[in-house]
Amino acid sequence: MRAALLVIAALATGLLLAACGGSGDETSSVGRAEITVPSDVHGVVPELEAVLAQFPYQRWYRDCIVATVKKELTPAEAEATEASGAANAEKIIGAAGSTCKESSHRPIVDPNASEKQLDILRAGFAEQIRPQAERKGFKGTRLECVERTAEELPSGKVLGLANGTHEVREGILLSVLAQCVKAE
């Protein structure tokens, strides 16, 4: 088992991808998004840096996450191979994303991000929208519609979900749900 996790798909959104494995580069996929950690990168912090470099996050946000993780993660957790150590590292990394986002009112995602980078965030938003739709009573084809609609969000809406105010994010979520209310 690798010393650390393949971490983060969208710290800002709470998405966390994990893969443990053998030799060679490790790639995790969600929707159209792929995140790869090269085989020569080992340890939580170096893997985190390799993963974050693939996201459209602003430099200040990536640096804040790495600095926060370095400060909070014990040396034993940084090299953990046990599930409990890895789980604590996951928790620390997830909290770092929230802490960094809340510490500034600046946008965390580069508005000039590539479609490939936005696909990573889009996949994270699709993962988050499903439970919200289920709480609102969506089932069957309606739920499938919500997932499909979220996976096809235009870039502007992905940026709105990442960088927008609470009201903007809520409006985008409601527009996704509204498109699927009549799905049978």
C-alpha atoms as a PDB file:
ATOM      1  CA  MET A   1       0.000   0.000   0.000  1.00  0.00           C
ATOM      2  CA  ARG A   2       1.350   3.397  -0.907  1.00  0.00           C
ATOM      3  CA  ALA A   3       2.487   5.626   1.952  1.00  0.00           C
ATOM      4  CA  ALA A   4      -0.148   8.246   1.260  1.00  0.00           C
ATOM      5  CA  LEU A   5      -3.443   8.786  -0.508  1.00  0.00           C
ATOM      6  CA  LEU A   6      -4.153  10.078  -3.926  1.00  0.00           C
ATOM      7  CA  VAL A   7      -5.829  13.115  -2.505  1.00  0.00           C
ATOM      8  CA  ILE A   8      -8.414  15.680  -3.509  1.00  0.00           C
ATOM      9  CA  ALA A   9     -10.581  16.229  -6.411  1.00  0.00           C
ATOM     10  CA  ALA A  10     -12.050  19.293  -5.223  1.00  0.00           C
ATOM     11  CA  LEU A  11     -11.036  20.474  -1.852  1.00  0.00           C
ATOM     12  CA  ALA A  12     -13.264  23.494  -2.274  1.00  0.00           C
ATOM     13  CA  THR A  13     -16.202  21.227  -2.880  1.00  0.00           C
ATOM     14  CA  GLY A  14     -15.341  18.505  -0.442  1.00  0.00           C
ATOM     15  CA  LEU A  15     -14.621  15.923  -3.091  1.00  0.00           C
ATOM     16  CA  LEU A  16     -11.906  13.493  -2.047  1.00  0.00           C
ATOM     17  CA  LEU A  17     -10.533  10.748  -4.273  1.00  0.00           C
ATOM     18  CA  ALA A  18      -8.429   7.979  -2.817  1.00  0.00           C
ATOM     19  CA  ALA A  19      -6.403   5.289  -4.486  1.00  0.00           C
ATOM     20  CA  CYS A  20      -3.867   2.932  -3.047  1.00  0.00           C
ATOM     21  CA  GLY A  21      -1.912   0.619  -5.182  1.00  0.00           C
ATOM     22  CA  GLY A  22       1.122  -0.839  -6.733  1.00  0.00           C
ATOM     23  CA  SER A  23       3.809   0.416  -9.023  1.00  0.00           C
ATOM     24  CA  GLY A  24       3.486   2.887 -11.835  1.00  0.00           C
ATOM     25  CA  ASP A  25       1.590   6.121 -11.990  1.00  0.00           C
ATOM     26  CA  GLU A  26      -1.722   6.024 -10.147  1.00  0.00           C
ATOM     27  CA  THR A  27      -4.768   7.539 -11.788  1.00  0.00           C
ATOM     28  CA  SER A  28      -8.234   8.016 -10.338  1.00  0.00           C
ATOM     29  CA  SER A  29     -11.192   8.890 -12.519  1.00  0.00           C
ATOM     30  CA  VAL A  30     -14.529  10.445 -11.723  1.00  0.00           C
ATOM     31  CA  GLY A  31     -16.708  11.289 -14.700  1.00  0.00           C
ATOM     32  CA  ARG A  32     -14.513  12.809 -17.392  1.00  0.00           C
ATOM     33  CA  ALA A  33     -11.887  13.845 -14.860  1.00  0.00           C
ATOM     34  CA  GLU A  34      -8.613  12.069 -14.226  1.00  0.00           C
ATOM     35  CA  ILE A  35      -6.033  12.785 -11.563  1.00  0.00           C
ATOM     36  CA  THR A  36      -2.613  11.152 -11.706  1.00  0.00           C
ATOM     37  CA  VAL A  37       0.176  10.846  -9.156  1.00  0.00           C
ATOM     38  CA  PRO A  38       3.517   9.886 -10.721  1.00  0.00           C
ATOM     39  CA  SER A  39       5.090   6.702  -9.389  1.00  0.00           C
ATOM     40  CA  ASP A  40       8.179   8.566  -8.179  1.00  0.00           C
ATOM     41  CA  VAL A  41       6.167  10.835  -5.851  1.00  0.00           C
ATOM     42  CA  HIS A  42       5.790   9.481  -2.303  1.00  0.00           C
ATOM     43  CA  GLY A  43       4.381  10.840   0.947  1.00  0.00           C
ATOM     44  CA  VAL A  44       1.275  12.841   1.721  1.00  0.00           C
ATOM     45  CA  VAL A  45       2.700  16.315   1.091  1.00  0.00           C
ATOM     46  CA  PRO A  46       4.489  15.551  -2.205  1.00  0.00           C
ATOM     47  CA  GLU A  47       1.432  13.652  -3.468  1.00  0.00           C
ATOM     48  CA  LEU A  48      -0.820  16.496  -2.377  1.00  0.00           C
ATOM     49  CA  GLU A  49       1.358  18.976  -4.284  1.00  0.00           C
ATOM     50  CA  ALA A  50       1.289  16.754  -7.389  1.00  0.00           C
ATOM     51  CA  VAL A  51      -2.493  16.451  -7.235  1.00  0.00           C
ATOM     52  CA  LEU A  52      -3.183  20.120  -6.528  1.00  0.00           C
ATOM     53  CA  ALA A  53      -1.027  21.105  -9.504  1.00  0.00           C
ATOM     54  CA  GLN A  54      -3.632  19.430 -11.750  1.00  0.00           C
ATOM     55  CA  PHE A  55      -6.499  21.557 -10.412  1.00  0.00           C
ATOM     56  CA  PRO A  56      -7.399  25.044 -11.606  1.00  0.00           C
ATOM     57  CA  TYR A  57      -6.808  26.455  -8.130  1.00  0.00           C
ATOM     58  CA  GLN A  58      -5.124  29.810  -7.703  1.00  0.00           C
ATOM     59  CA  ARG A  59      -1.495  29.619  -6.511  1.00  0.00           C
ATOM     60  CA  TRP A  60      -2.318  31.252  -3.132  1.00  0.00           C
ATOM     61  CA  TYR A  61      -4.943  28.576  -2.421  1.00  0.00           C
ATOM     62  CA  ARG A  62      -2.668  25.635  -3.280  1.00  0.00           C
ATOM     63  CA  ASP A  63       0.135  27.122  -1.177  1.00  0.00           C
ATOM     64  CA  CYS A  64      -2.232  27.700   1.745  1.00  0.00           C
ATOM     65  CA  ILE A  65      -3.450  24.098   1.655  1.00  0.00           C
ATOM     66  CA  VAL A  66       0.069  22.664   1.556  1.00  0.00           C
ATOM     67  CA  ALA A  67       1.276  24.967   4.365  1.00  0.00           C
ATOM     68  CA  THR A  68      -1.735  24.102   6.524  1.00  0.00           C
ATOM     69  CA  VAL A  69      -1.265  20.379   5.980  1.00  0.00           C
ATOM     70  CA  LYS A  70       2.449  20.597   6.772  1.00  0.00           C
ATOM     71  CA  LYS A  71       1.619  22.417  10.007  1.00  0.00           C
ATOM     72  CA  GLU A  72      -1.149  20.034  11.110  1.00  0.00           C
ATOM     73  CA  LEU A  73       0.137  16.659   9.925  1.00  0.00           C
ATOM     74  CA  THR A  74       2.478  14.780  12.234  1.00  0.00           C
ATOM     75  CA  PRO A  75       5.510  13.071  10.674  1.00  0.00           C
ATOM     76  CA  ALA A  76       3.926   9.678  11.407  1.00  0.00           C
ATOM     77  CA  GLU A  77       0.697  10.687   9.657  1.00  0.00           C
ATOM     78  CA  ALA A  78       2.672  12.029   6.712  1.00  0.00           C
ATOM     79  CA  GLU A  79       4.092   8.569   6.113  1.00  0.00           C
ATOM     80  CA  ALA A  80       1.088   6.547   7.286  1.00  0.00           C
ATOM     81  CA  THR A  81       0.315   3.261   5.593  1.00  0.00           C
ATOM     82  CA  GLU A  82      -2.357   2.231   8.077  1.00  0.00           C
ATOM     83  CA  ALA A  83      -5.963   3.119   7.327  1.00  0.00           C
ATOM     84  CA  SER A  84      -6.299   5.131  10.550  1.00  0.00           C
ATOM     85  CA  GLY A  85      -3.303   7.332   9.723  1.00  0.00           C
ATOM     86  CA  ALA A  86      -4.486   7.786   6.160  1.00  0.00           C
ATOM     87  CA  ALA A  87      -7.976   8.659   7.360  1.00  0.00           C
ATOM     88  CA  ASN A  88      -6.587  11.341   9.669  1.00  0.00           C
ATOM     89  CA  ALA A  89      -4.476  12.741   6.822  1.00  0.00           C
ATOM     90  CA  GLU A  90      -7.651  12.860   4.688  1.00  0.00           C
ATOM     91  CA  LYS A  91      -9.446  14.749   7.440  1.00  0.00           C
ATOM     92  CA  ILE A  92      -6.600  17.254   7.831  1.00  0.00           C
ATOM     93  CA  ILE A  93      -6.412  17.857   4.079  1.00  0.00           C
ATOM     94  CA  GLY A  94     -10.173  18.360   3.788  1.00  0.00           C
ATOM     95  CA  ALA A  95     -10.146  20.811   6.691  1.00  0.00           C
ATOM     96  CA  ALA A  96      -7.206  22.685   5.147  1.00  0.00           C
ATOM     97  CA  GLY A  97      -9.242  23.349   2.010  1.00  0.00           C
ATOM     98  CA  SER A  98     -12.105  24.805   4.026  1.00  0.00           C
ATOM     99  CA  THR A  99      -9.779  26.833   6.264  1.00  0.00           C
ATOM    100  CA  CYS A 100      -7.947  28.346   3.300  1.00  0.00           C
ATOM    101  CA  LYS A 101     -11.150  29.142   1.435  1.00  0.00           C
ATOM    102  CA  GLU A 102     -12.609  30.890   4.484  1.00  0.00           C
ATOM    103  CA  SER A 103      -9.389  32.829   5.167  1.00  0.00           C
ATOM    104  CA  SER A 104      -9.761  34.925   2.036  1.00  0.00           C
ATOM    105  CA  HIS A 105     -12.528  36.403  -0.041  1.00  0.00           C
ATOM    106  CA  ARG A 106     -10.526  35.901  -3.231  1.00  0.00           C
ATOM    107  CA  PRO A 107     -11.586  33.445  -5.927  1.00  0.00           C
ATOM    108  CA  ILE A 108      -9.971  30.049  -5.395  1.00  0.00           C
ATOM    109  CA  VAL A 109     -10.315  28.877  -9.009  1.00  0.00           C
ATOM    110  CA  ASP A 110      -8.530  30.470 -11.950  1.00  0.00           C
ATOM    111  CA  PRO A 111     -11.171  31.909 -14.293  1.00  0.00           C
ATOM    112  CA  ASN A 112      -8.882  31.005 -17.228  1.00  0.00           C
ATOM    113  CA  ALA A 113      -8.715  27.319 -16.304  1.00  0.00           C
ATOM    114  CA  SER A 114      -8.646  24.699 -19.034  1.00  0.00           C
ATOM    115  CA  GLU A 115     -11.626  22.450 -19.707  1.00  0.00           C
ATOM    116  CA  LYS A 116      -9.587  19.487 -18.452  1.00  0.00           C
ATOM    117  CA  GLN A 117      -9.016  21.253 -15.138  1.00  0.00           C
ATOM    118  CA  LEU A 118     -12.661  22.288 -14.897  1.00  0.00           C
ATOM    119  CA  ASP A 119     -13.681  18.659 -15.527  1.00  0.00           C
ATOM    120  CA  ILE A 120     -12.067  17.772 -12.192  1.00  0.00           C
ATOM    121  CA  LEU A 121     -14.194  20.350 -10.394  1.00  0.00           C
ATOM    122  CA  ARG A 122     -17.275  19.447 -12.437  1.00  0.00           C
ATOM    123  CA  ALA A 123     -16.956  15.833 -11.282  1.00  0.00           C
ATOM    124  CA  GLY A 124     -16.749  16.995  -7.679  1.00  0.00           C
ATOM    125  CA  PHE A 125     -19.857  19.106  -7.994  1.00  0.00           C
ATOM    126  CA  ALA A 126     -21.727  16.216  -9.614  1.00  0.00           C
ATOM    127  CA  GLU A 127     -20.798  14.043  -6.626  1.00  0.00           C
ATOM    128  CA  GLN A 128     -22.050  16.696  -4.188  1.00  0.00           C
ATOM    129  CA  ILE A 129     -25.318  17.470  -5.939  1.00  0.00           C
ATOM    130  CA  ARG A 130     -26.591  13.875  -5.779  1.00  0.00           C
ATOM    131  CA  PRO A 131     -27.127  13.761  -1.988  1.00  0.00           C
ATOM    132  CA  GLN A 132     -28.758  17.183  -2.080  1.00  0.00           C
ATOM    133  CA  ALA A 133     -31.169  15.975  -4.765  1.00  0.00           C
ATOM    134  CA  GLU A 134     -31.916  12.816  -2.746  1.00  0.00           C
ATOM    135  CA  ARG A 135     -32.729  14.959   0.316  1.00  0.00           C
ATOM    136  CA  LYS A 136     -35.222  16.847  -1.859  1.00  0.00           C
ATOM    137  CA  GLY A 137     -36.915  13.553  -2.810  1.00  0.00           C
ATOM    138  CA  PHE A 138     -35.385  12.972  -6.241  1.00  0.00           C
ATOM    139  CA  LYS A 139     -35.316   9.276  -7.257  1.00  0.00           C
ATOM    140  CA  GLY A 140     -34.919   7.150 -10.369  1.00  0.00           C
ATOM    141  CA  THR A 141     -34.868   9.073 -13.650  1.00  0.00           C
ATOM    142  CA  ARG A 142     -35.012  12.412 -11.840  1.00  0.00           C
ATOM    143  CA  LEU A 143     -31.872  11.556  -9.905  1.00  0.00           C
ATOM    144  CA  GLU A 144     -30.169  10.335 -13.083  1.00  0.00           C
ATOM    145  CA  CYS A 145     -31.142  13.633 -14.737  1.00  0.00           C
ATOM    146  CA  VAL A 146     -29.568  15.607 -11.873  1.00  0.00           C
ATOM    147  CA  GLU A 147     -26.312  13.645 -12.147  1.00  0.00           C
ATOM    148  CA  ARG A 148     -26.183  13.999 -15.938  1.00  0.00           C
ATOM    149  CA  THR A 149     -27.009  17.716 -15.789  1.00  0.00           C
ATOM    150  CA  ALA A 150     -24.316  18.317 -13.152  1.00  0.00           C
ATOM    151  CA  GLU A 151     -21.739  16.427 -15.223  1.00  0.00           C
ATOM    152  CA  GLU A 152     -22.545  18.665 -18.193  1.00  0.00           C
ATOM    153  CA  LEU A 153     -22.494  22.013 -16.379  1.00  0.00           C
ATOM    154  CA  PRO A 154     -21.069  24.756 -18.576  1.00  0.00           C
ATOM    155  CA  SER A 155     -17.724  26.203 -17.526  1.00  0.00           C
ATOM    156  CA  GLY A 156     -19.302  29.445 -16.311  1.00  0.00           C
ATOM    157  CA  LYS A 157     -21.502  27.554 -13.862  1.00  0.00           C
ATOM    158  CA  VAL A 158     -18.567  25.456 -12.659  1.00  0.00           C
ATOM    159  CA  LEU A 159     -16.677  28.689 -11.957  1.00  0.00           C
ATOM    160  CA  GLY A 160     -19.786  30.081 -10.267  1.00  0.00           C
ATOM    161  CA  LEU A 161     -19.991  27.060  -7.984  1.00  0.00           C
ATOM    162  CA  ALA A 162     -16.300  27.350  -7.117  1.00  0.00           C
ATOM    163  CA  ASN A 163     -15.916  31.113  -6.783  1.00  0.00           C
ATOM    164  CA  GLY A 164     -19.442  32.416  -6.298  1.00  0.00           C
ATOM    165  CA  THR A 165     -21.269  33.550  -3.214  1.00  0.00           C
ATOM    166  CA  HIS A 166     -23.610  31.267  -1.319  1.00  0.00           C
ATOM    167  CA  GLU A 167     -26.510  32.783  -3.251  1.00  0.00           C
ATOM    168  CA  VAL A 168     -24.849  32.120  -6.619  1.00  0.00           C
ATOM    169  CA  ARG A 169     -24.106  28.501  -5.672  1.00  0.00           C
ATOM    170  CA  GLU A 170     -27.667  28.005  -4.433  1.00  0.00           C
ATOM    171  CA  GLY A 171     -29.064  29.463  -7.662  1.00  0.00           C
ATOM    172  CA  ILE A 172     -26.986  27.090  -9.778  1.00  0.00           C
ATOM    173  CA  LEU A 173     -28.062  24.117  -7.676  1.00  0.00           C
ATOM    174  CA  LEU A 174     -31.709  25.107  -7.978  1.00  0.00           C
ATOM    175  CA  SER A 175     -31.361  25.492 -11.759  1.00  0.00           C
ATOM    176  CA  VAL A 176     -29.956  21.956 -11.993  1.00  0.00           C
ATOM    177  CA  LEU A 177     -32.790  20.557  -9.877  1.00  0.00           C
ATOM    178  CA  ALA A 178     -35.413  22.534 -11.803  1.00  0.00           C
ATOM    179  CA  GLN A 179     -34.269  21.022 -15.107  1.00  0.00           C
ATOM    180  CA  CYS A 180     -35.013  17.565 -13.713  1.00  0.00           C
ATOM    181  CA  VAL A 181     -38.289  18.066 -11.845  1.00  0.00           C
ATOM    182  CA  LYS A 182     -40.364  16.748 -14.760  1.00  0.00           C
ATOM    183  CA  ALA A 183     -38.053  13.868 -15.696  1.00  0.00           C
ATOM    184  CA  GLU A 184     -40.004  10.628 -15.718  1.00  0.00           C
END
